[in-house]
Amino acid sequence: MKLKVFVLVLGLQTAWILGTTFVQERGLADGTVIMLETRPVDPRDLLRGDYLTLGYKISNVPLSAFSPARTNGLPPGASVYVALEPRGAFYEVASASTERITPASDQVVLVGRSLSWWGEKTVRLEYGLERYYVREGTGNPRGKITVAAAVPPSGRAQIKAVFLDGKPFAEAMRKPAP
């Protein structure tokens, strides 16, 4: 009896890990890849090492972009659906809503979560793309950082690649051999 329960628990844990991995990898492989403009912030976590904290231009959504129109902010943690469309090399906010959005043919929809912001005409959102871990000693880059994000139909984007001045981040931060 104990062996059967042990095998069942082990099987369920294995299925959960494999299922989670499959969903994440499928989102990266099949998702629409969009380029996002970023603003880096302080890059160090004593327990996890160096990382980039990325702030996106699309993280500040004006209240005027919401449909139906909003006159005040949202409670922290509220789900927000943001339609992005290409404007030049990067994707920018086209519209937002607290209800699901059907995107136009050239748009993608990201799902974000509202943060607490006071006294502004914008809603601050996070998309789960705000932290990118890097090799030790490379967490404080100089230059323009951009992100290629894969957006699956669920709207839960993942970072596919990070670029520093147009080069892949790892390549740009590689120290030349002495």
N, C-alpha and C. Protein backbone atom coordinates (compact mmCIF):
# COMPACT_ATOMS: atom_id res chain seq x y z
N MET A 1 0.83 -1.20 0.00
CA MET A 1 0.00 0.00 0.00
C MET A 1 0.87 1.26 0.00
N LYS A 2 1.90 1.29 0.88
CA LYS A 2 2.77 2.46 0.95
C LYS A 2 3.54 2.64 -0.35
N LEU A 3 3.93 1.55 -0.97
CA LEU A 3 4.65 1.63 -2.23
C LEU A 3 3.77 2.24 -3.33
N LYS A 4 2.49 1.85 -3.37
CA LYS A 4 1.57 2.39 -4.37
C LYS A 4 1.37 3.89 -4.18
N VAL A 5 1.22 4.34 -2.95
CA VAL A 5 1.06 5.77 -2.66
C VAL A 5 2.33 6.52 -3.05
N PHE A 6 3.47 5.96 -2.71
CA PHE A 6 4.75 6.58 -3.07
C PHE A 6 4.89 6.73 -4.58
N VAL A 7 4.59 5.67 -5.32
CA VAL A 7 4.67 5.70 -6.78
C VAL A 7 3.68 6.72 -7.35
N LEU A 8 2.48 6.77 -6.79
CA LEU A 8 1.47 7.73 -7.25
C LEU A 8 1.94 9.17 -7.03
N VAL A 9 2.46 9.46 -5.84
CA VAL A 9 2.95 10.81 -5.54
C VAL A 9 4.12 11.17 -6.45
N LEU A 10 5.04 10.23 -6.61
CA LEU A 10 6.19 10.46 -7.49
C LEU A 10 5.74 10.69 -8.93
N GLY A 11 4.77 9.92 -9.38
CA GLY A 11 4.24 10.08 -10.74
C GLY A 11 3.57 11.44 -10.94
N LEU A 12 2.78 11.87 -9.95
CA LEU A 12 2.11 13.18 -10.04
C LEU A 12 3.12 14.32 -10.05
N GLN A 13 4.15 14.23 -9.22
CA GLN A 13 5.18 15.28 -9.22
C GLN A 13 5.91 15.33 -10.55
N THR A 14 6.25 14.18 -11.08
CA THR A 14 6.94 14.13 -12.37
C THR A 14 6.05 14.69 -13.48
N ALA A 15 4.78 14.34 -13.47
CA ALA A 15 3.86 14.86 -14.49
C ALA A 15 3.72 16.37 -14.38
N TRP A 16 3.68 16.90 -13.16
CA TRP A 16 3.57 18.35 -12.97
C TRP A 16 4.81 19.06 -13.51
N ILE A 17 6.01 18.54 -13.20
CA ILE A 17 7.25 19.16 -13.67
C ILE A 17 7.32 19.10 -15.20
N LEU A 18 7.02 17.95 -15.78
CA LEU A 18 7.06 17.83 -17.24
C LEU A 18 6.00 18.71 -17.91
N GLY A 19 4.82 18.78 -17.32
CA GLY A 19 3.76 19.62 -17.89
C GLY A 19 4.13 21.10 -17.85
N THR A 20 4.68 21.56 -16.73
CA THR A 20 5.10 22.95 -16.60
C THR A 20 6.19 23.27 -17.62
N THR A 21 7.16 22.37 -17.74
CA THR A 21 8.25 22.57 -18.70
C THR A 21 7.70 22.63 -20.12
N PHE A 22 6.79 21.73 -20.45
CA PHE A 22 6.20 21.70 -21.79
C PHE A 22 5.47 23.02 -22.10
N VAL A 23 4.68 23.50 -21.16
CA VAL A 23 3.93 24.75 -21.38
C VAL A 23 4.88 25.93 -21.59
N GLN A 24 5.94 26.03 -20.76
CA GLN A 24 6.90 27.13 -20.89
C GLN A 24 7.66 27.06 -22.21
N GLU A 25 8.13 25.89 -22.57
CA GLU A 25 8.88 25.73 -23.82
C GLU A 25 8.00 25.95 -25.04
N ARG A 26 6.77 25.52 -24.96
CA ARG A 26 5.85 25.72 -26.09
C ARG A 26 5.57 27.21 -26.29
N GLY A 27 5.43 27.96 -25.18
CA GLY A 27 5.22 29.40 -25.28
C GLY A 27 6.41 30.10 -25.92
N LEU A 28 7.62 29.67 -25.58
CA LEU A 28 8.81 30.26 -26.19
C LEU A 28 8.92 29.91 -27.67
N ALA A 29 8.58 28.67 -28.03
CA ALA A 29 8.73 28.23 -29.41
C ALA A 29 7.64 28.77 -30.32
N ASP A 30 6.39 28.79 -29.86
CA ASP A 30 5.27 29.14 -30.72
C ASP A 30 4.75 30.56 -30.55
N GLY A 31 5.19 31.26 -29.51
CA GLY A 31 4.68 32.60 -29.24
C GLY A 31 5.16 33.62 -30.27
N THR A 32 4.39 34.67 -30.45
CA THR A 32 4.78 35.78 -31.31
C THR A 32 5.92 36.52 -30.64
N VAL A 33 7.02 36.73 -31.36
CA VAL A 33 8.17 37.41 -30.78
C VAL A 33 8.03 38.91 -31.03
N ILE A 34 8.09 39.69 -29.95
CA ILE A 34 7.98 41.14 -30.05
C ILE A 34 9.21 41.77 -29.41
N MET A 35 9.59 42.94 -29.87
CA MET A 35 10.72 43.68 -29.30
C MET A 35 10.17 44.76 -28.38
N LEU A 36 10.78 44.86 -27.19
CA LEU A 36 10.35 45.83 -26.19
C LEU A 36 11.53 46.69 -25.77
N GLU A 37 11.27 47.97 -25.57
CA GLU A 37 12.27 48.90 -25.09
C GLU A 37 12.28 48.86 -23.56
N THR A 38 13.46 48.89 -22.96
CA THR A 38 13.57 48.74 -21.51
C THR A 38 14.33 49.88 -20.88
N ARG A 39 14.27 49.89 -19.54
CA ARG A 39 15.05 50.82 -18.72
C ARG A 39 15.60 50.02 -17.55
N PRO A 40 16.92 49.71 -17.52
CA PRO A 40 17.45 48.89 -16.44
C PRO A 40 17.49 49.61 -15.10
N VAL A 41 17.45 48.82 -14.02
CA VAL A 41 17.48 49.33 -12.66
C VAL A 41 18.56 48.55 -11.90
N ASP A 42 18.64 48.68 -10.58
CA ASP A 42 19.66 48.05 -9.75
C ASP A 42 19.76 46.53 -9.95
N PRO A 43 20.99 46.02 -10.21
CA PRO A 43 21.12 44.62 -10.62
C PRO A 43 21.77 43.64 -9.64
N ARG A 44 21.41 43.56 -8.41
CA ARG A 44 22.10 42.60 -7.53
C ARG A 44 21.14 42.01 -6.50
N ASP A 45 21.19 40.70 -6.36
CA ASP A 45 20.44 39.98 -5.35
C ASP A 45 21.46 39.09 -4.65
N LEU A 46 21.67 39.29 -3.36
CA LEU A 46 22.71 38.56 -2.65
C LEU A 46 22.51 37.05 -2.67
N LEU A 47 21.29 36.58 -2.72
CA LEU A 47 21.05 35.14 -2.71
C LEU A 47 21.04 34.52 -4.10
N ARG A 48 20.66 35.29 -5.11
CA ARG A 48 20.51 34.71 -6.44
C ARG A 48 21.56 35.20 -7.44
N GLY A 49 22.33 36.20 -7.10
CA GLY A 49 23.37 36.68 -8.00
C GLY A 49 22.95 37.91 -8.76
N ASP A 50 23.64 38.17 -9.85
CA ASP A 50 23.38 39.35 -10.66
C ASP A 50 22.15 39.16 -11.54
N TYR A 51 21.41 40.21 -11.69
CA TYR A 51 20.28 40.21 -12.60
C TYR A 51 20.01 41.63 -13.05
N LEU A 52 19.25 41.76 -14.09
CA LEU A 52 18.78 43.06 -14.55
C LEU A 52 17.34 43.20 -14.12
N THR A 53 17.02 44.31 -13.50
CA THR A 53 15.62 44.65 -13.25
C THR A 53 15.23 45.57 -14.38
N LEU A 54 14.30 45.11 -15.19
CA LEU A 54 13.95 45.84 -16.40
C LEU A 54 12.61 46.55 -16.24
N GLY A 55 12.62 47.83 -16.54
CA GLY A 55 11.39 48.60 -16.57
C GLY A 55 11.06 48.85 -18.04
N TYR A 56 9.83 48.64 -18.42
CA TYR A 56 9.44 48.76 -19.82
C TYR A 56 8.62 50.02 -20.06
N LYS A 57 8.74 50.51 -21.26
CA LYS A 57 7.92 51.65 -21.67
C LYS A 57 6.43 51.27 -21.59
N ILE A 58 6.13 50.01 -21.87
CA ILE A 58 4.74 49.54 -21.86
C ILE A 58 4.22 49.29 -20.45
N SER A 59 5.07 49.47 -19.43
CA SER A 59 4.64 49.24 -18.05
C SER A 59 3.78 50.38 -17.51
N ASN A 60 3.87 51.55 -18.11
CA ASN A 60 3.06 52.70 -17.69
C ASN A 60 1.97 52.91 -18.74
N VAL A 61 0.76 52.50 -18.40
CA VAL A 61 -0.36 52.59 -19.33
C VAL A 61 -1.23 53.78 -18.93
N PRO A 62 -1.40 54.75 -19.85
CA PRO A 62 -2.25 55.90 -19.51
C PRO A 62 -3.71 55.47 -19.32
N LEU A 63 -4.39 56.14 -18.39
CA LEU A 63 -5.80 55.84 -18.16
C LEU A 63 -6.63 56.03 -19.43
N SER A 64 -6.19 56.95 -20.29
CA SER A 64 -6.92 57.21 -21.54
C SER A 64 -6.87 56.03 -22.50
N ALA A 65 -5.93 55.08 -22.32
CA ALA A 65 -5.82 53.92 -23.20
C ALA A 65 -6.83 52.83 -22.84
N PHE A 66 -7.47 52.94 -21.67
CA PHE A 66 -8.39 51.91 -21.23
C PHE A 66 -9.74 52.02 -21.93
N SER A 67 -10.30 50.85 -22.21
CA SER A 67 -11.64 50.76 -22.77
C SER A 67 -12.39 49.73 -21.93
N PRO A 68 -13.47 50.07 -21.27
CA PRO A 68 -14.07 51.40 -21.16
C PRO A 68 -13.14 52.35 -20.40
N ALA A 69 -13.36 53.65 -20.65
CA ALA A 69 -12.50 54.69 -20.08
C ALA A 69 -12.49 54.63 -18.56
N ARG A 70 -11.32 54.93 -17.99
CA ARG A 70 -11.17 54.94 -16.53
C ARG A 70 -10.76 56.34 -16.10
N THR A 71 -11.22 56.73 -14.93
CA THR A 71 -10.83 58.04 -14.39
C THR A 71 -9.93 57.90 -13.17
N ASN A 72 -9.80 56.65 -12.68
CA ASN A 72 -8.92 56.43 -11.53
C ASN A 72 -8.15 55.13 -11.74
N GLY A 73 -7.15 54.90 -10.89
CA GLY A 73 -6.31 53.71 -11.01
C GLY A 73 -7.03 52.43 -10.68
N LEU A 74 -6.28 51.36 -10.66
CA LEU A 74 -6.81 50.04 -10.36
C LEU A 74 -6.29 49.56 -9.02
N PRO A 75 -6.99 48.66 -8.37
CA PRO A 75 -6.45 48.10 -7.13
C PRO A 75 -5.21 47.25 -7.44
N PRO A 76 -4.25 47.21 -6.54
CA PRO A 76 -3.05 46.39 -6.77
C PRO A 76 -3.41 44.93 -7.01
N GLY A 77 -2.76 44.33 -8.00
CA GLY A 77 -2.98 42.92 -8.30
C GLY A 77 -4.06 42.64 -9.31
N ALA A 78 -4.75 43.67 -9.81
CA ALA A 78 -5.81 43.45 -10.79
C ALA A 78 -5.20 43.04 -12.13
N SER A 79 -5.84 42.09 -12.81
CA SER A 79 -5.37 41.67 -14.13
C SER A 79 -5.76 42.72 -15.17
N VAL A 80 -4.80 43.03 -16.04
CA VAL A 80 -5.03 44.00 -17.11
C VAL A 80 -4.57 43.38 -18.42
N TYR A 81 -5.39 43.48 -19.44
CA TYR A 81 -5.07 42.97 -20.77
C TYR A 81 -4.65 44.17 -21.61
N VAL A 82 -3.44 44.10 -22.17
CA VAL A 82 -2.88 45.23 -22.91
C VAL A 82 -2.61 44.79 -24.34
N ALA A 83 -3.24 45.48 -25.30
CA ALA A 83 -2.99 45.23 -26.72
C ALA A 83 -1.79 46.07 -27.14
N LEU A 84 -0.79 45.41 -27.72
CA LEU A 84 0.40 46.09 -28.20
C LEU A 84 0.44 46.01 -29.71
N GLU A 85 0.93 47.08 -30.33
CA GLU A 85 1.08 47.07 -31.78
C GLU A 85 2.45 47.62 -32.13
N PRO A 86 2.98 47.19 -33.29
CA PRO A 86 4.32 47.66 -33.66
C PRO A 86 4.29 49.14 -34.04
N ARG A 87 5.25 49.87 -33.48
CA ARG A 87 5.46 51.27 -33.86
C ARG A 87 6.96 51.43 -34.02
N GLY A 88 7.40 51.37 -35.26
CA GLY A 88 8.83 51.36 -35.52
C GLY A 88 9.37 49.98 -35.20
N ALA A 89 10.51 49.93 -34.53
CA ALA A 89 11.15 48.65 -34.20
C ALA A 89 10.54 47.98 -32.98
N PHE A 90 9.78 48.72 -32.18
CA PHE A 90 9.27 48.19 -30.91
C PHE A 90 7.76 48.18 -30.87
N TYR A 91 7.23 47.37 -29.96
CA TYR A 91 5.79 47.32 -29.73
C TYR A 91 5.44 48.30 -28.62
N GLU A 92 4.30 48.98 -28.78
CA GLU A 92 3.83 49.95 -27.79
C GLU A 92 2.35 49.73 -27.52
N VAL A 93 1.87 50.34 -26.45
CA VAL A 93 0.48 50.17 -26.01
C VAL A 93 -0.48 50.78 -27.02
N ALA A 94 -1.46 49.99 -27.44
CA ALA A 94 -2.53 50.47 -28.30
C ALA A 94 -3.79 50.69 -27.49
N SER A 95 -4.12 49.73 -26.62
CA SER A 95 -5.29 49.84 -25.76
C SER A 95 -5.12 48.89 -24.57
N ALA A 96 -5.97 49.07 -23.58
CA ALA A 96 -5.93 48.23 -22.38
C ALA A 96 -7.33 48.06 -21.84
N SER A 97 -7.52 46.99 -21.08
CA SER A 97 -8.82 46.73 -20.47
C SER A 97 -8.65 45.77 -19.30
N THR A 98 -9.61 45.79 -18.41
CA THR A 98 -9.60 44.82 -17.31
C THR A 98 -10.33 43.55 -17.73
N GLU A 99 -10.87 43.55 -18.96
CA GLU A 99 -11.53 42.37 -19.52
C GLU A 99 -10.75 41.93 -20.75
N ARG A 100 -10.89 40.66 -21.12
CA ARG A 100 -10.14 40.13 -22.27
C ARG A 100 -10.35 40.98 -23.52
N ILE A 101 -9.28 41.13 -24.29
CA ILE A 101 -9.29 41.92 -25.52
C ILE A 101 -9.08 40.98 -26.70
N THR A 102 -9.79 41.22 -27.79
CA THR A 102 -9.53 40.52 -29.04
C THR A 102 -8.61 41.42 -29.85
N PRO A 103 -7.38 40.98 -30.11
CA PRO A 103 -6.43 41.85 -30.80
C PRO A 103 -6.72 41.98 -32.30
N ALA A 104 -6.34 43.11 -32.87
CA ALA A 104 -6.39 43.29 -34.32
C ALA A 104 -5.31 42.40 -34.94
N SER A 105 -5.27 42.31 -36.24
CA SER A 105 -4.34 41.39 -36.91
C SER A 105 -2.88 41.70 -36.65
N ASP A 106 -2.52 42.96 -36.43
CA ASP A 106 -1.12 43.32 -36.20
C ASP A 106 -0.79 43.50 -34.72
N GLN A 107 -1.70 43.11 -33.84
CA GLN A 107 -1.51 43.31 -32.40
C GLN A 107 -1.29 41.99 -31.67
N VAL A 108 -0.68 42.10 -30.50
CA VAL A 108 -0.59 40.98 -29.56
C VAL A 108 -1.12 41.48 -28.23
N VAL A 109 -1.61 40.56 -27.40
CA VAL A 109 -2.15 40.95 -26.10
C VAL A 109 -1.28 40.35 -25.01
N LEU A 110 -0.82 41.22 -24.10
CA LEU A 110 -0.08 40.80 -22.92
C LEU A 110 -1.00 40.90 -21.71
N VAL A 111 -0.82 39.99 -20.77
CA VAL A 111 -1.57 40.05 -19.52
C VAL A 111 -0.62 40.59 -18.46
N GLY A 112 -1.03 41.68 -17.82
CA GLY A 112 -0.22 42.28 -16.78
C GLY A 112 -0.98 42.33 -15.47
N ARG A 113 -0.28 42.75 -14.43
CA ARG A 113 -0.88 42.88 -13.11
C ARG A 113 -0.61 44.30 -12.62
N SER A 114 -1.64 44.95 -12.11
CA SER A 114 -1.48 46.34 -11.68
C SER A 114 -0.70 46.41 -10.37
N LEU A 115 0.07 47.48 -10.26
CA LEU A 115 0.81 47.77 -9.03
C LEU A 115 0.20 49.00 -8.39
N SER A 116 0.54 49.26 -7.18
CA SER A 116 0.02 50.42 -6.48
C SER A 116 0.77 51.68 -6.91
N TRP A 117 0.07 52.64 -7.48
CA TRP A 117 0.64 53.93 -7.90
C TRP A 117 -0.34 54.99 -7.49
N TRP A 118 0.14 56.06 -6.91
CA TRP A 118 -0.77 57.10 -6.43
C TRP A 118 -0.57 58.39 -7.20
N GLY A 119 -1.66 59.10 -7.49
CA GLY A 119 -1.63 60.45 -8.02
C GLY A 119 -1.11 60.59 -9.43
N GLU A 120 -1.21 59.55 -10.24
CA GLU A 120 -0.74 59.66 -11.62
C GLU A 120 -1.89 59.38 -12.56
N LYS A 121 -1.72 59.79 -13.79
CA LYS A 121 -2.73 59.55 -14.82
C LYS A 121 -2.41 58.27 -15.59
N THR A 122 -1.60 57.42 -14.99
CA THR A 122 -1.23 56.15 -15.60
C THR A 122 -1.40 55.01 -14.59
N VAL A 123 -1.52 53.80 -15.13
CA VAL A 123 -1.55 52.61 -14.30
C VAL A 123 -0.22 51.90 -14.52
N ARG A 124 0.46 51.57 -13.45
CA ARG A 124 1.74 50.88 -13.52
C ARG A 124 1.47 49.38 -13.51
N LEU A 125 2.03 48.67 -14.50
CA LEU A 125 1.81 47.23 -14.64
C LEU A 125 3.12 46.47 -14.60
N GLU A 126 3.03 45.21 -14.21
CA GLU A 126 4.16 44.31 -14.38
C GLU A 126 3.66 43.09 -15.15
N TYR A 127 4.56 42.56 -15.99
CA TYR A 127 4.19 41.48 -16.90
C TYR A 127 4.91 40.16 -16.60
N GLY A 128 5.76 40.13 -15.59
CA GLY A 128 6.56 38.94 -15.34
C GLY A 128 7.83 38.92 -16.16
N LEU A 129 8.15 40.05 -16.79
CA LEU A 129 9.35 40.18 -17.63
C LEU A 129 10.36 41.12 -16.99
N GLU A 130 10.18 41.43 -15.74
CA GLU A 130 10.96 42.50 -15.12
C GLU A 130 12.32 42.06 -14.57
N ARG A 131 12.60 40.78 -14.50
CA ARG A 131 13.87 40.31 -13.93
C ARG A 131 14.53 39.32 -14.89
N TYR A 132 15.80 39.58 -15.19
CA TYR A 132 16.57 38.72 -16.09
C TYR A 132 17.92 38.43 -15.44
N TYR A 133 18.18 37.16 -15.11
CA TYR A 133 19.42 36.78 -14.43
C TYR A 133 20.56 36.65 -15.43
N VAL A 134 21.73 37.13 -15.02
CA VAL A 134 22.90 37.16 -15.89
C VAL A 134 24.11 36.57 -15.16
N ARG A 135 25.17 36.34 -15.91
CA ARG A 135 26.40 35.82 -15.35
C ARG A 135 26.97 36.82 -14.35
N GLU A 136 27.60 36.31 -13.28
CA GLU A 136 28.15 37.17 -12.23
C GLU A 136 29.12 38.20 -12.82
N GLY A 137 28.97 39.42 -12.35
CA GLY A 137 29.83 40.50 -12.80
C GLY A 137 29.35 41.21 -14.05
N THR A 138 28.20 40.78 -14.61
CA THR A 138 27.69 41.42 -15.83
C THR A 138 26.35 42.10 -15.59
N GLY A 139 26.00 42.34 -14.34
CA GLY A 139 24.69 42.88 -14.03
C GLY A 139 24.56 44.39 -14.10
N ASN A 140 25.60 45.09 -14.51
CA ASN A 140 25.54 46.55 -14.58
C ASN A 140 26.02 47.03 -15.94
N PRO A 141 25.26 46.73 -16.99
CA PRO A 141 25.70 47.09 -18.34
C PRO A 141 25.54 48.57 -18.65
N ARG A 142 26.30 49.04 -19.59
CA ARG A 142 26.17 50.41 -20.10
C ARG A 142 25.73 50.31 -21.55
N GLY A 143 24.64 50.96 -21.87
CA GLY A 143 24.15 50.93 -23.24
C GLY A 143 22.65 50.73 -23.26
N LYS A 144 22.12 50.62 -24.47
CA LYS A 144 20.68 50.45 -24.65
C LYS A 144 20.31 48.97 -24.60
N ILE A 145 19.41 48.64 -23.70
CA ILE A 145 18.95 47.27 -23.54
C ILE A 145 17.57 47.13 -24.18
N THR A 146 17.43 46.09 -24.98
CA THR A 146 16.13 45.76 -25.57
C THR A 146 15.86 44.28 -25.31
N VAL A 147 14.59 43.90 -25.36
CA VAL A 147 14.18 42.53 -25.05
C VAL A 147 13.32 41.98 -26.17
N ALA A 148 13.62 40.74 -26.56
CA ALA A 148 12.74 40.00 -27.46
C ALA A 148 11.91 39.09 -26.55
N ALA A 149 10.61 39.27 -26.56
CA ALA A 149 9.72 38.49 -25.70
C ALA A 149 8.80 37.64 -26.57
N ALA A 150 8.61 36.39 -26.16
CA ALA A 150 7.69 35.49 -26.85
C ALA A 150 6.33 35.60 -26.16
N VAL A 151 5.30 35.87 -26.95
CA VAL A 151 3.95 36.05 -26.40
C VAL A 151 3.04 34.96 -26.96
N PRO A 152 2.72 33.93 -26.14
CA PRO A 152 1.80 32.89 -26.58
C PRO A 152 0.36 33.41 -26.54
N PRO A 153 -0.59 32.66 -27.07
CA PRO A 153 -1.99 33.10 -27.05
C PRO A 153 -2.53 33.41 -25.65
N SER A 154 -1.93 32.83 -24.60
CA SER A 154 -2.40 33.10 -23.24
C SER A 154 -2.07 34.52 -22.79
N GLY A 155 -1.11 35.19 -23.46
CA GLY A 155 -0.72 36.55 -23.10
C GLY A 155 0.33 36.61 -22.01
N ARG A 156 0.79 35.47 -21.51
CA ARG A 156 1.82 35.42 -20.45
C ARG A 156 3.19 35.34 -21.13
N ALA A 157 3.78 36.48 -21.38
CA ALA A 157 5.03 36.57 -22.15
C ALA A 157 6.21 36.05 -21.36
N GLN A 158 7.24 35.64 -22.10
CA GLN A 158 8.51 35.19 -21.52
C GLN A 158 9.64 35.86 -22.28
N ILE A 159 10.72 36.15 -21.58
CA ILE A 159 11.89 36.73 -22.24
C ILE A 159 12.55 35.65 -23.07
N LYS A 160 12.73 35.94 -24.35
CA LYS A 160 13.39 35.01 -25.26
C LYS A 160 14.87 35.38 -25.41
N ALA A 161 15.15 36.68 -25.50
CA ALA A 161 16.53 37.15 -25.64
C ALA A 161 16.61 38.59 -25.15
N VAL A 162 17.80 38.95 -24.64
CA VAL A 162 18.07 40.31 -24.22
C VAL A 162 19.25 40.81 -25.05
N PHE A 163 19.15 42.05 -25.51
CA PHE A 163 20.18 42.63 -26.36
C PHE A 163 20.74 43.90 -25.71
N LEU A 164 22.03 44.08 -25.82
CA LEU A 164 22.69 45.28 -25.35
C LEU A 164 23.29 45.95 -26.58
N ASP A 165 22.81 47.14 -26.91
CA ASP A 165 23.23 47.86 -28.11
C ASP A 165 23.12 46.99 -29.36
N GLY A 166 22.06 46.18 -29.44
CA GLY A 166 21.79 45.38 -30.62
C GLY A 166 22.48 44.02 -30.65
N LYS A 167 23.39 43.74 -29.72
CA LYS A 167 24.07 42.44 -29.67
C LYS A 167 23.44 41.60 -28.57
N PRO A 168 23.45 40.26 -28.73
CA PRO A 168 22.97 39.42 -27.63
C PRO A 168 23.73 39.76 -26.35
N PHE A 169 23.01 39.80 -25.22
CA PHE A 169 23.58 40.28 -23.96
C PHE A 169 24.86 39.54 -23.58
N ALA A 170 24.86 38.20 -23.63
CA ALA A 170 26.04 37.44 -23.22
C ALA A 170 27.25 37.79 -24.09
N GLU A 171 27.02 37.97 -25.37
CA GLU A 171 28.11 38.34 -26.29
C GLU A 171 28.62 39.75 -26.02
N ALA A 172 27.72 40.67 -25.76
CA ALA A 172 28.10 42.07 -25.51
C ALA A 172 28.87 42.21 -24.19
N MET A 173 28.57 41.38 -23.21
CA MET A 173 29.21 41.49 -21.91
C MET A 173 30.45 40.60 -21.77
N ARG A 174 30.76 39.82 -22.80
CA ARG A 174 31.92 38.96 -22.76
C ARG A 174 33.17 39.83 -22.69
N LYS A 175 34.02 39.53 -21.73
CA LYS A 175 35.25 40.30 -21.57
C LYS A 175 36.30 39.79 -22.57
N PRO A 176 37.00 40.68 -23.24
CA PRO A 176 38.02 40.23 -24.17
C PRO A 176 39.14 39.52 -23.43
N ALA A 177 39.70 38.49 -24.08
CA ALA A 177 40.81 37.73 -23.47
C ALA A 177 42.04 38.62 -23.34
N PRO A 178 42.80 38.54 -22.21
CA PRO A 178 43.98 39.38 -22.04
C PRO A 178 45.12 38.96 -22.91
